Amino acid sequence: AGAATTAPAAKPAADVFTAADVGKKVKCKPGVTKFANGAKMLDFVPKATLYIRAVEQGGKILLVSTEKTKKVYTGRVNAADMQRV
C-alpha cells in the first residue's frame, strides 16, 4: 500500500517509422521475402542493409534502397517487415 506502482512499458507491436527515420538503416525481419506490392524480392534483398529513403502511408510503407544517396530504389516494403539496424 504505500509503494507507487507503475505499469510496465507497453511493447509496441512493430517499430513505428516517421519522416525522422529517412536515412536510417533497416533490415528485413527473418522470413520476409516480398515487397509491399507482393512481388518477390531478389535473394540479396532480405540479407542486405537497406536505407530508408521515404516513409509513406503514415509509416506503413517504407521506400528503401541499398544505396544511401543515389536515386536508385530497391522497392517499397511493409514497415512491419523491417527492423532497425
Protein backbone atom coordinates (compact mmCIF):
# COMPACT_ATOMS: atom_id res chain seq x y z
CA ALA A 1 0.00 0.00 0.00
CA GLY A 2 2.46 2.95 0.22
CA ALA A 3 4.53 1.92 -2.82
CA ALA A 4 3.68 3.54 -6.10
CA THR A 5 3.14 1.08 -8.89
CA THR A 6 3.96 1.87 -12.47
CA ALA A 7 2.60 -0.03 -15.40
CA PRO A 8 5.26 -1.84 -17.41
CA ALA A 9 6.19 -0.06 -20.60
CA ALA A 10 3.97 -1.29 -23.41
CA LYS A 11 6.00 -3.11 -26.04
CA PRO A 12 4.94 -1.86 -29.45
CA ALA A 13 3.72 -4.49 -31.87
CA ALA A 14 6.07 -3.09 -34.51
CA ASP A 15 8.54 -0.27 -34.85
CA VAL A 16 6.87 2.98 -35.79
CA PHE A 17 8.66 4.79 -38.57
CA THR A 18 8.36 8.53 -39.25
CA ALA A 19 9.94 11.03 -41.61
CA ALA A 20 12.69 11.42 -38.99
CA ASP A 21 13.84 7.89 -39.91
CA VAL A 22 14.76 8.81 -43.50
CA GLY A 23 18.40 7.88 -43.99
CA LYS A 24 18.40 5.31 -41.18
CA LYS A 25 19.34 1.67 -41.74
CA VAL A 26 16.92 -1.26 -41.59
CA LYS A 27 16.94 -4.96 -42.45
CA CYS A 28 14.19 -7.40 -43.31
CA LYS A 29 12.89 -9.45 -40.42
CA PRO A 30 13.61 -13.19 -40.74
CA GLY A 31 11.38 -14.88 -43.31
CA VAL A 32 10.45 -11.72 -45.23
CA THR A 33 10.75 -12.32 -48.99
CA LYS A 34 8.20 -9.98 -50.59
CA PHE A 35 7.85 -6.28 -51.23
CA ALA A 36 4.74 -4.37 -50.13
CA ASN A 37 3.12 -4.99 -53.55
CA GLY A 38 3.60 -8.76 -53.20
CA ALA A 39 6.50 -9.02 -55.67
CA LYS A 40 9.21 -11.48 -54.66
CA MET A 41 12.48 -9.91 -53.54
CA LEU A 42 15.73 -10.91 -55.22
CA ASP A 43 17.74 -13.18 -52.92
CA PHE A 44 20.14 -10.46 -51.79
CA VAL A 45 17.46 -8.05 -50.55
CA PRO A 46 16.36 -9.86 -47.35
CA LYS A 47 20.03 -10.10 -46.28
CA ALA A 48 21.01 -6.55 -47.24
CA THR A 49 21.25 -3.48 -45.07
CA LEU A 50 18.72 -1.05 -46.53
CA TYR A 51 18.43 2.72 -46.17
CA ILE A 52 15.05 4.36 -45.64
CA ARG A 53 14.58 6.89 -48.43
CA ALA A 54 10.95 7.81 -47.71
CA VAL A 55 8.20 6.96 -45.24
CA GLU A 56 4.78 6.60 -46.86
CA GLN A 57 1.16 5.92 -45.89
CA GLY A 58 1.56 7.18 -42.35
CA GLY A 59 4.55 4.98 -41.64
CA LYS A 60 3.10 1.73 -43.01
CA ILE A 61 5.29 1.64 -46.14
CA LEU A 62 9.00 2.37 -46.42
CA LEU A 63 10.75 3.20 -49.67
CA VAL A 64 14.16 1.58 -49.27
CA SER A 65 17.42 1.36 -51.17
CA THR A 66 20.70 -0.48 -50.84
CA GLU A 67 22.31 2.84 -51.81
CA LYS A 68 22.44 5.61 -49.24
CA THR A 69 22.28 8.53 -51.65
CA LYS A 70 21.83 7.51 -55.30
CA LYS A 71 18.43 7.99 -56.92
CA VAL A 72 18.02 4.23 -57.17
CA TYR A 73 15.40 2.48 -55.08
CA THR A 74 15.25 -1.19 -54.17
CA GLY A 75 11.50 -1.09 -53.52
CA ARG A 76 8.65 -0.40 -51.15
CA VAL A 77 8.39 -2.64 -48.10
CA ASN A 78 5.87 -3.03 -45.31
CA ALA A 79 7.24 -1.23 -42.25
CA ALA A 80 6.10 -4.15 -40.10
CA ASP A 81 8.51 -6.41 -42.05
CA MET A 82 11.54 -4.29 -41.16
CA GLN A 83 13.75 -3.99 -38.12
CA ARG A 84 16.15 -1.22 -37.25
CA VAL A 85 19.89 -1.87 -37.59
